Amino acid sequence: MTELNYRIQRQNNLNEIFFDDVAGPGNGRHRYCVFEKERDPNVLYAALLEVRFQEGARNSPESRAGVLESDWDRFSIR
């Protein structure tokens, strides 16, 4: 995974965000993980949050289900 460096808040972040190294369909990244910024490098930590976006066509049996753009309005994600 690669750290996401583009952020609105540039200083004093409490977390780090990482995304998949391999691009999926449409050259998009479909998996993001949030970790605490201050952590011991000798300890394996679980992500605080993992978000998966829809990967592949909605009708395709090989696609991976995930958050869709239409979910944003339903859950007020913005």
C-alpha atoms as a PDB file:
ATOM      1  CA  MET A   1       0.000   0.000   0.000  1.00  0.00           C
ATOM      2  CA  THR A   2       1.047   3.583  -0.653  1.00  0.00           C
ATOM      3  CA  GLU A   3       0.505   6.539   1.674  1.00  0.00           C
ATOM      4  CA  LEU A   4      -1.917   9.171   0.419  1.00  0.00           C
ATOM      5  CA  ASN A   5      -0.094  12.513   0.560  1.00  0.00           C
ATOM      6  CA  TYR A   6      -2.779  14.776  -0.888  1.00  0.00           C
ATOM      7  CA  ARG A   7      -4.820  16.188   2.003  1.00  0.00           C
ATOM      8  CA  ILE A   8      -6.714  19.280   2.995  1.00  0.00           C
ATOM      9  CA  GLN A   9      -5.030  19.390   6.414  1.00  0.00           C
ATOM     10  CA  ARG A  10      -1.287  19.419   5.763  1.00  0.00           C
ATOM     11  CA  GLN A  11       0.065  19.576   9.341  1.00  0.00           C
ATOM     12  CA  ASN A  12      -0.629  17.875  12.676  1.00  0.00           C
ATOM     13  CA  ASN A  13      -2.582  14.973  11.179  1.00  0.00           C
ATOM     14  CA  LEU A  14      -3.761  12.373  13.670  1.00  0.00           C
ATOM     15  CA  ASN A  15      -3.836   9.578  11.104  1.00  0.00           C
ATOM     16  CA  GLU A  16      -2.256   8.257   7.922  1.00  0.00           C
ATOM     17  CA  ILE A  17      -4.223   7.064   4.891  1.00  0.00           C
ATOM     18  CA  PHE A  18      -2.993   4.347   2.548  1.00  0.00           C
ATOM     19  CA  PHE A  19      -4.398   2.992  -0.723  1.00  0.00           C
ATOM     20  CA  ASP A  20      -3.861  -0.052  -2.947  1.00  0.00           C
ATOM     21  CA  ASP A  21      -0.741   0.053  -5.107  1.00  0.00           C
ATOM     22  CA  VAL A  22      -2.447  -1.725  -8.003  1.00  0.00           C
ATOM     23  CA  ALA A  23      -5.029   0.226  -9.990  1.00  0.00           C
ATOM     24  CA  GLY A  24      -8.338  -1.474 -10.676  1.00  0.00           C
ATOM     25  CA  PRO A  25     -10.826  -1.006 -13.518  1.00  0.00           C
ATOM     26  CA  GLY A  26     -10.821   2.561 -14.828  1.00  0.00           C
ATOM     27  CA  ASN A  27      -7.373   3.127 -13.244  1.00  0.00           C
ATOM     28  CA  GLY A  28      -9.047   3.738  -9.861  1.00  0.00           C
ATOM     29  CA  ARG A  29      -7.987   2.754  -6.385  1.00  0.00           C
ATOM     30  CA  HIS A  30     -10.690   0.750  -4.645  1.00  0.00           C
ATOM     31  CA  ARG A  31      -9.327   0.127  -1.122  1.00  0.00           C
ATOM     32  CA  TYR A  32      -8.254   2.725   1.448  1.00  0.00           C
ATOM     33  CA  CYS A  33      -7.060   2.137   5.042  1.00  0.00           C
ATOM     34  CA  VAL A  34      -6.701   4.635   7.897  1.00  0.00           C
ATOM     35  CA  PHE A  35      -4.074   4.109  10.619  1.00  0.00           C
ATOM     36  CA  GLU A  36      -3.129   6.105  13.713  1.00  0.00           C
ATOM     37  CA  LYS A  37      -0.174   8.348  12.941  1.00  0.00           C
ATOM     38  CA  GLU A  38       1.681   7.838  16.215  1.00  0.00           C
ATOM     39  CA  ARG A  39       2.416   4.114  16.473  1.00  0.00           C
ATOM     40  CA  ASP A  40       5.331   1.897  17.411  1.00  0.00           C
ATOM     41  CA  PRO A  41       7.116   0.692  14.232  1.00  0.00           C
ATOM     42  CA  ASN A  42       7.851  -2.643  15.960  1.00  0.00           C
ATOM     43  CA  VAL A  43       4.162  -3.481  16.464  1.00  0.00           C
ATOM     44  CA  LEU A  44       1.703  -4.699  13.823  1.00  0.00           C
ATOM     45  CA  TYR A  45      -1.439  -2.541  13.933  1.00  0.00           C
ATOM     46  CA  ALA A  46      -4.877  -3.124  12.471  1.00  0.00           C
ATOM     47  CA  ALA A  47      -6.430  -0.342  10.429  1.00  0.00           C
ATOM     48  CA  LEU A  48      -8.813   2.001  12.257  1.00  0.00           C
ATOM     49  CA  LEU A  49     -10.980   2.039   9.157  1.00  0.00           C
ATOM     50  CA  GLU A  50     -11.006   0.249   5.809  1.00  0.00           C
ATOM     51  CA  VAL A  51     -13.139   1.563   2.941  1.00  0.00           C
ATOM     52  CA  ARG A  52     -13.734  -0.469  -0.207  1.00  0.00           C
ATOM     53  CA  PHE A  53     -15.315   1.109  -3.263  1.00  0.00           C
ATOM     54  CA  GLN A  54     -17.211  -0.807  -5.954  1.00  0.00           C
ATOM     55  CA  GLU A  55     -14.693  -2.548  -8.209  1.00  0.00           C
ATOM     56  CA  GLY A  56     -15.914  -3.634 -11.631  1.00  0.00           C
ATOM     57  CA  ALA A  57     -19.267  -3.437 -13.378  1.00  0.00           C
ATOM     58  CA  ARG A  58     -22.312  -3.735 -11.116  1.00  0.00           C
ATOM     59  CA  ASN A  59     -23.774  -6.550 -13.232  1.00  0.00           C
ATOM     60  CA  SER A  60     -20.569  -8.584 -13.484  1.00  0.00           C
ATOM     61  CA  PRO A  61     -20.271 -11.652 -11.247  1.00  0.00           C
ATOM     62  CA  GLU A  62     -16.485 -11.000 -10.963  1.00  0.00           C
ATOM     63  CA  SER A  63     -16.934  -7.503  -9.515  1.00  0.00           C
ATOM     64  CA  ARG A  64     -16.351  -6.701  -5.843  1.00  0.00           C
ATOM     65  CA  ALA A  65     -19.161  -4.950  -4.006  1.00  0.00           C
ATOM     66  CA  GLY A  66     -18.333  -1.773  -2.136  1.00  0.00           C
ATOM     67  CA  VAL A  67     -19.421   1.804  -1.513  1.00  0.00           C
ATOM     68  CA  LEU A  68     -21.133   3.395  -4.507  1.00  0.00           C
ATOM     69  CA  GLU A  69     -21.503   7.088  -5.318  1.00  0.00           C
ATOM     70  CA  SER A  70     -25.262   6.722  -4.757  1.00  0.00           C
ATOM     71  CA  ASP A  71     -24.543   5.686  -1.135  1.00  0.00           C
ATOM     72  CA  TRP A  72     -23.179   9.166  -0.390  1.00  0.00           C
ATOM     73  CA  ASP A  73     -26.641  10.745  -0.400  1.00  0.00           C
ATOM     74  CA  ARG A  74     -28.205   7.933   1.625  1.00  0.00           C
ATOM     75  CA  PHE A  75     -25.629   8.104   4.422  1.00  0.00           C
ATOM     76  CA  SER A  76     -24.705  11.805   4.067  1.00  0.00           C
ATOM     77  CA  ILE A  77     -21.052  10.916   3.318  1.00  0.00           C
ATOM     78  CA  ARG A  78     -19.286  14.042   2.098  1.00  0.00           C
END
